[in-house]
Protein backbone atom coordinates (compact mmCIF):
# COMPACT_ATOMS: atom_id res chain seq x y z
CA UNK A 1 29.20 -42.15 -121.11
CA UNK A 2 26.73 -42.14 -118.26
CA UNK A 3 23.41 -40.69 -118.83
CA UNK A 4 22.75 -37.28 -117.37
CA UNK A 5 19.74 -36.81 -115.15
CA UNK A 6 17.23 -34.32 -116.08
CA UNK A 7 16.74 -31.32 -113.78
CA UNK A 8 13.22 -32.40 -113.04
CA UNK A 9 14.31 -35.79 -111.80
CA UNK A 10 16.87 -34.28 -109.34
CA UNK A 11 14.26 -31.98 -107.89
CA UNK A 12 11.86 -34.84 -107.43
CA UNK A 13 14.40 -36.93 -105.59
CA UNK A 14 15.08 -34.04 -103.17
CA UNK A 15 11.41 -33.73 -102.51
CA UNK A 16 11.21 -37.43 -101.74
CA UNK A 17 14.12 -37.27 -99.28
CA UNK A 18 12.66 -34.26 -97.48
CA UNK A 19 9.29 -35.92 -97.18
CA UNK A 20 10.86 -39.09 -95.82
CA UNK A 21 12.80 -37.15 -93.11
CA UNK A 22 9.71 -35.25 -92.09
CA UNK A 23 7.72 -38.45 -91.68
CA UNK A 24 10.48 -39.98 -89.66
CA UNK A 25 10.65 -36.96 -87.27
CA UNK A 26 6.88 -36.95 -86.81
CA UNK A 27 6.83 -40.60 -85.72
CA UNK A 28 9.74 -40.06 -83.25
CA UNK A 29 11.10 -43.57 -83.79
CA UNK A 30 14.81 -44.04 -83.52
CA UNK A 31 15.71 -40.40 -83.03
CA UNK A 32 16.57 -38.83 -79.63
CA UNK A 33 14.79 -35.60 -80.46
CA UNK A 34 11.54 -37.20 -81.48
CA UNK A 35 8.25 -36.11 -79.95
CA UNK A 36 6.20 -38.38 -77.67
CA UNK A 37 3.49 -40.40 -79.40
CA UNK A 38 0.21 -38.58 -79.51
CA UNK A 39 -1.92 -41.37 -78.02
CA UNK A 40 -3.23 -39.21 -75.07
CA UNK A 41 -1.24 -41.13 -72.34
CA UNK A 42 2.05 -40.15 -70.62
CA UNK A 43 4.77 -42.71 -71.10
CA UNK A 44 6.79 -43.84 -68.01
CA UNK A 45 10.39 -42.73 -67.87
CA UNK A 46 12.93 -45.04 -69.29
CA UNK A 47 14.85 -47.37 -66.99
CA UNK A 48 17.95 -45.76 -65.49
CA UNK A 49 16.68 -42.18 -65.86
CA UNK A 50 16.44 -39.86 -62.75
CA UNK A 51 13.01 -39.26 -61.14
CA UNK A 52 11.71 -35.70 -61.22
CA UNK A 53 12.56 -33.62 -58.09
CA UNK A 54 9.61 -32.81 -55.75
CA UNK A 55 8.34 -29.28 -55.74
CA UNK A 56 9.73 -27.15 -52.84
CA UNK A 57 8.64 -23.76 -51.48
CA UNK A 58 11.04 -20.91 -52.07
CA UNK A 59 13.28 -19.95 -49.09
CA UNK A 60 12.16 -16.97 -46.98
CA UNK A 61 13.70 -13.65 -47.79
CA UNK A 62 16.98 -12.91 -46.08
CA UNK A 63 15.80 -9.56 -44.71
CA UNK A 64 13.40 -11.30 -42.26
CA UNK A 65 16.30 -13.11 -40.57
CA UNK A 66 18.35 -9.94 -40.30
CA UNK A 67 15.41 -8.02 -38.76
CA UNK A 68 14.87 -10.73 -36.15
CA UNK A 69 18.56 -10.71 -35.26
CA UNK A 70 18.55 -6.92 -34.89
CA UNK A 71 15.47 -7.05 -32.64
CA UNK A 72 17.05 -9.73 -30.45
CA UNK A 73 20.26 -7.72 -30.19
CA UNK A 74 18.31 -4.57 -29.27
CA UNK A 75 16.43 -6.43 -26.51
CA UNK A 76 19.65 -7.86 -25.17
CA UNK A 77 21.26 -4.43 -25.06
CA UNK A 78 18.19 -2.97 -23.32
CA UNK A 79 18.28 -5.71 -20.70
CA UNK A 80 21.99 -5.20 -20.05
CA UNK A 81 21.49 -1.44 -19.73
CA UNK A 82 18.62 -1.90 -17.29
CA UNK A 83 20.60 -4.29 -15.12
CA UNK A 84 23.58 -1.97 -15.18
CA UNK A 85 21.44 1.00 -14.10
CA UNK A 86 19.77 -0.99 -11.33
CA UNK A 87 23.09 -2.26 -10.07
CA UNK A 88 24.51 1.26 -10.15
CA UNK A 89 21.51 2.62 -8.25
CA UNK A 90 21.82 -0.05 -5.55
CA UNK A 91 25.53 0.61 -5.19
CA UNK A 92 24.90 4.38 -4.97
CA UNK A 93 22.26 3.93 -2.25
CA UNK A 94 24.52 1.65 -0.23
CA UNK A 95 27.42 4.08 -0.59
CA UNK A 96 25.21 7.00 0.48
CA UNK A 97 23.98 5.16 3.56
CA UNK A 98 27.56 4.22 4.36
CA UNK A 99 28.62 7.86 4.21
CA UNK A 100 25.76 8.82 6.55
CA UNK A 101 26.75 6.12 9.03
CA UNK A 102 30.36 7.24 8.86
CA UNK A 103 29.30 10.83 9.53
CA UNK A 104 27.16 9.66 12.46
CA UNK A 105 30.12 7.77 13.88
CA UNK A 106 32.35 10.84 13.60
CA UNK A 107 29.70 12.98 15.30
CA UNK A 108 29.33 10.48 18.16
CA UNK A 109 33.11 10.35 18.63
CA UNK A 110 33.41 14.14 18.68
CA UNK A 111 30.47 14.40 21.10
CA UNK A 112 32.11 12.09 23.64
CA UNK A 113 35.59 13.52 23.14
CA UNK A 114 34.94 17.28 22.98
CA UNK A 115 31.29 17.69 23.94
CA UNK A 116 29.01 20.30 22.40
CA UNK A 117 28.84 24.08 22.67
CA UNK A 118 25.66 24.95 24.62
CA UNK A 119 25.06 28.12 22.64
CA UNK A 120 25.22 26.24 19.33
CA UNK A 121 22.93 23.54 20.68
CA UNK A 122 20.33 26.09 21.84
CA UNK A 123 20.45 27.88 18.51
CA UNK A 124 19.93 24.68 16.54
CA UNK A 125 17.11 23.58 18.83
CA UNK A 126 15.36 26.83 17.96
CA UNK A 127 15.94 26.42 14.23
CA UNK A 128 15.03 22.74 14.04
CA UNK A 129 12.33 22.57 16.69
CA UNK A 130 10.68 25.87 17.56
CA UNK A 131 10.58 27.25 14.02
CA UNK A 132 9.13 23.97 12.69
CA UNK A 133 6.21 23.88 15.13
CA UNK A 134 3.74 26.01 13.11
CA UNK A 135 4.01 23.99 9.91
CA UNK A 136 3.84 20.71 11.81
CA UNK A 137 0.72 21.80 13.71
CA UNK A 138 -1.00 22.91 10.52
CA UNK A 139 -0.24 19.81 8.47
CA UNK A 140 -1.13 17.29 11.17
CA UNK A 141 -4.16 19.31 12.36
CA UNK A 142 -5.69 19.43 8.88
CA UNK A 143 -4.86 15.76 8.33
CA UNK A 144 -6.70 14.85 11.55
CA UNK A 145 -9.72 16.82 10.38
CA UNK A 146 -9.76 14.99 7.05
CA UNK A 147 -9.42 11.62 8.79
CA UNK A 148 -12.37 12.42 11.05
CA UNK A 149 -14.42 13.49 8.05
CA UNK A 150 -13.93 10.13 6.33
CA UNK A 151 -14.10 7.94 9.43
CA UNK A 152 -17.29 9.47 10.79
CA UNK A 153 -19.02 9.11 7.43
CA UNK A 154 -17.88 5.49 7.11
CA UNK A 155 -18.76 4.53 10.70
CA UNK A 156 -22.27 5.97 10.38
CA UNK A 157 -23.13 3.09 8.03
CA UNK A 158 -22.41 0.62 10.85
CA UNK A 159 -23.77 2.70 13.72
CA UNK A 160 -20.30 2.97 15.26
CA UNK A 161 -19.72 6.70 15.26
CA UNK A 162 -18.84 6.46 18.96
CA UNK A 163 -15.50 4.97 17.91
CA UNK A 164 -14.52 7.82 15.61
CA UNK A 165 -12.30 9.55 18.16
CA UNK A 166 -10.33 6.44 18.96
CA UNK A 167 -9.78 5.55 15.32
CA UNK A 168 -8.59 9.06 14.48
CA UNK A 169 -6.30 9.26 17.49
CA UNK A 170 -4.79 5.84 16.84
CA UNK A 171 -4.05 6.74 13.22
CA UNK A 172 -2.46 10.04 14.19
CA UNK A 173 -0.21 8.95 17.07
CA UNK A 174 1.04 5.85 15.30
CA UNK A 175 1.51 7.05 11.73
CA UNK A 176 0.19 10.43 10.58
CA UNK A 177 1.76 12.53 13.32
CA UNK A 178 5.30 11.10 13.18
CA UNK A 179 5.56 10.93 9.38
CA UNK A 180 4.19 14.44 8.77
CA UNK A 181 6.39 15.83 11.53
CA UNK A 182 9.44 14.29 9.88
CA UNK A 183 8.45 15.64 6.47
CA UNK A 184 7.78 19.10 7.90
CA UNK A 185 11.16 19.25 9.64
CA UNK A 186 12.87 17.97 6.48
CA UNK A 187 11.33 20.76 4.42
CA UNK A 188 11.74 23.52 7.00
CA UNK A 189 14.91 22.71 8.97
CA UNK A 190 16.69 20.29 6.64
CA UNK A 191 16.88 22.84 3.88
CA UNK A 192 18.15 25.50 6.33
CA UNK A 193 20.89 23.17 7.59
CA UNK A 194 22.09 22.37 4.09
CA UNK A 195 21.98 25.98 2.88
CA UNK A 196 23.97 27.23 5.88
CA UNK A 197 26.70 24.60 5.71
CA UNK A 198 26.89 24.73 1.91
CA UNK A 199 27.38 28.50 2.00
CA UNK A 200 30.22 28.03 4.48
CA UNK A 201 31.74 25.39 2.21
CA UNK A 202 31.75 27.45 -0.99
CA UNK A 203 33.10 30.52 0.83
CA UNK A 204 35.92 28.44 2.37
CA UNK A 205 34.80 29.04 5.95
CA UNK A 206 35.08 25.33 6.68
CA UNK A 207 38.72 25.45 5.57
CA UNK A 208 39.20 28.34 7.99
CA UNK A 209 37.79 26.18 10.81
CA UNK A 210 40.33 23.49 10.02
CA UNK A 211 43.10 26.11 9.97
CA UNK A 212 42.06 27.15 13.49
CA UNK A 213 42.14 23.49 14.63
CA UNK A 214 38.36 23.35 15.03
CA UNK A 215 36.91 20.07 13.73
CA UNK A 216 34.05 20.87 11.32
CA UNK A 217 32.12 17.80 12.48
CA UNK A 218 32.28 18.87 16.10
CA UNK A 219 31.31 22.46 15.31
CA UNK A 220 28.68 21.90 12.60
CA UNK A 221 27.34 18.36 12.74
CA UNK A 222 27.16 17.49 16.44
CA UNK A 223 24.85 20.34 17.60
CA UNK A 224 22.47 19.84 14.66
CA UNK A 225 22.13 16.08 15.10
CA UNK A 226 21.70 16.40 18.86
CA UNK A 227 19.13 19.19 18.48
CA UNK A 228 17.16 17.10 15.97
CA UNK A 229 17.12 14.14 18.36
CA UNK A 230 15.82 16.32 21.18
CA UNK A 231 13.29 18.50 19.38
CA UNK A 232 11.67 16.15 16.83
CA UNK A 233 9.77 14.07 19.46
CA UNK A 234 8.61 17.29 21.18
CA UNK A 235 7.30 18.70 17.93
CA UNK A 236 5.58 15.39 17.25
CA UNK A 237 3.77 15.49 20.61
CA UNK A 238 2.36 18.91 19.82
CA UNK A 239 1.44 17.81 16.30
CA UNK A 240 -0.39 14.74 17.65
CA UNK A 241 -2.44 16.97 19.92
CA UNK A 242 -3.28 19.27 17.01
CA UNK A 243 -4.34 16.32 14.86
CA UNK A 244 -6.63 14.88 17.54
CA UNK A 245 -8.12 18.31 18.18
CA UNK A 246 -8.75 18.90 14.47
CA UNK A 247 -10.49 15.55 14.23
CA UNK A 248 -12.62 16.41 17.26
CA UNK A 249 -13.83 19.64 15.65
CA UNK A 250 -14.97 17.86 12.49
CA UNK A 251 -16.49 14.96 14.44
CA UNK A 252 -18.49 17.42 16.52
CA UNK A 253 -19.84 19.00 13.33
CA UNK A 254 -21.06 15.55 12.25
CA UNK A 255 -22.90 14.89 15.50
CA UNK A 256 -20.25 13.19 17.68
CA UNK A 257 -20.21 14.89 21.12
CA UNK A 258 -16.79 15.84 22.55
CA UNK A 259 -17.32 13.57 25.58
CA UNK A 260 -17.99 10.59 23.31
CA UNK A 261 -15.01 11.51 21.14
CA UNK A 262 -12.67 11.63 24.16
CA UNK A 263 -14.12 8.41 25.61
CA UNK A 264 -13.40 6.45 22.43
CA UNK A 265 -9.80 7.71 22.54
CA UNK A 266 -9.36 6.30 26.04
CA UNK A 267 -11.02 3.08 24.91
CA UNK A 268 -8.88 2.32 21.85
CA UNK A 269 -5.47 3.69 22.82
CA UNK A 270 -3.28 1.60 25.09
CA UNK A 271 -3.53 2.84 28.68
CA UNK A 272 0.24 2.54 29.18
CA UNK A 273 0.90 4.96 26.33
CA UNK A 274 2.72 2.42 24.14
CA UNK A 275 0.99 3.70 21.01
CA UNK A 276 2.31 7.20 21.60
CA UNK A 277 5.76 5.87 22.49
CA UNK A 278 5.98 3.95 19.23
CA UNK A 279 5.32 7.11 17.28
CA UNK A 280 7.93 9.04 19.26
CA UNK A 281 10.51 6.32 18.65
CA UNK A 282 9.98 6.83 14.93
CA UNK A 283 10.59 10.55 15.23
CA UNK A 284 14.00 9.94 16.80
CA UNK A 285 15.13 8.22 13.62
CA UNK A 286 13.39 10.77 11.40
CA UNK A 287 15.15 13.68 13.09
CA UNK A 288 18.52 11.97 12.89
CA UNK A 289 18.00 11.25 9.18
CA UNK A 290 17.06 14.85 8.42
CA UNK A 291 20.08 16.26 10.29
CA UNK A 292 22.58 13.81 8.82
CA UNK A 293 21.35 14.28 5.25
CA UNK A 294 21.40 18.06 5.61
CA UNK A 295 24.93 18.08 7.04
CA UNK A 296 26.25 15.59 4.51
CA UNK A 297 24.87 17.47 1.51
CA UNK A 298 26.18 20.75 2.85
CA UNK A 299 29.69 19.42 3.42
CA UNK A 300 29.83 17.93 -0.08
CA UNK A 301 28.69 21.10 -1.88
CA UNK A 302 30.69 22.36 -4.85
CA UNK A 303 30.14 24.92 -7.59
CA UNK A 304 29.37 28.22 -5.86
CA UNK A 305 25.85 29.57 -5.50
CA UNK A 306 24.48 27.12 -8.06
CA UNK A 307 25.91 24.24 -6.06
CA UNK A 308 24.23 25.56 -2.92
CA UNK A 309 20.82 25.47 -4.62
CA UNK A 310 21.39 21.96 -5.97
CA UNK A 311 22.53 20.66 -2.59
CA UNK A 312 19.52 22.20 -0.82
CA UNK A 313 17.06 20.62 -3.25
CA UNK A 314 18.81 17.25 -3.11
CA UNK A 315 18.86 17.38 0.68
CA UNK A 316 15.10 17.89 1.02
CA UNK A 317 14.22 15.22 -1.55
CA UNK A 318 16.63 12.65 -0.13
CA UNK A 319 15.56 13.27 3.47
CA UNK A 320 11.85 12.87 2.66
CA UNK A 321 12.45 9.64 0.74
CA UNK A 322 14.59 8.20 3.53
CA UNK A 323 12.01 9.23 6.14
CA UNK A 324 9.30 7.26 4.34
CA UNK A 325 11.63 4.29 3.90
CA UNK A 326 12.55 4.35 7.58
CA UNK A 327 8.86 4.62 8.48
CA UNK A 328 8.17 1.39 6.62
CA UNK A 329 10.98 -0.47 8.39
CA UNK A 330 10.15 0.94 11.82
CA UNK A 331 6.42 0.22 11.44
CA UNK A 332 7.19 -3.38 10.60
CA UNK A 333 9.61 -3.73 13.52
CA UNK A 334 7.37 -2.01 16.08
CA UNK A 335 4.25 -3.82 14.93
CA UNK A 336 5.83 -7.26 15.16
CA UNK A 337 8.32 -6.63 17.96
CA UNK A 338 7.60 -7.54 21.54
CA UNK A 339 9.96 -5.18 23.32
CA UNK A 340 7.30 -2.44 23.55
CA UNK A 341 4.43 -4.70 24.48
CA UNK A 342 3.17 -4.81 28.01
């Protein structure tokens, strides 16, 4: 029979095996899970093993990209909206000018075909011309006084106060007089034209004219346009005189004698009157613009009494803007054109 081991011997052998395994793990030889030798130096990777990947920065958050895309889309939409509005405004202006030219053509055709009623023409000359004289005289007269105030003070620094009258007169007859006359007639007569025709439109009086075989253009538009063409230059002449006189009063207060003031006017203004003629040519276009805008807005009125108020306001604003725009074009043409030069 084999000999039985004592319990103490079996326990000792287990302790020996456990100690041997622990020593083997601590040395790391021959086992894949062994630790690196503790000699203070890093061992190179074994041949055939992959090199460690370089460190990379984390990707930017996704919300930054989405915010940039939204901003770019918003800018693109804003640009498209702006271009669309500009294009629409240009088209509207061109269409409006086309309607005015068409109305002018109809008025000219009716004038040569049927003529004009003298009583209507005289009435409109009173409304457009005579009733606009006071406001035109006041605005241009005070403007001439203000011009003289500034010019005399500025010319004193150069010892050239003798030229104050000529400078004031040249400014008035070329620019201040015509433009303020056009604005005054637009505010005084243009609004009256629109209100009268608009009231006839909303009360169906224009339809009654058509029923009686009376062309509305011949009855309403022709006398007003013709009266504006006749009376606007006359009002401008009176306004020019008021402006020069107002400047003379202020210049006299600042030590410029009336004889010197008048002499400088004769010195600086063209002796053939071309400066005055240029201003009067402007007023022809200004009067025609005011009459056409007033008639057009009145004929297109809708919506009862409220529509009459809107048309009147739109008429005055549109006429004043077009008068200034026409003044720019006419000033450029008359300043650089040779047909009015001696």
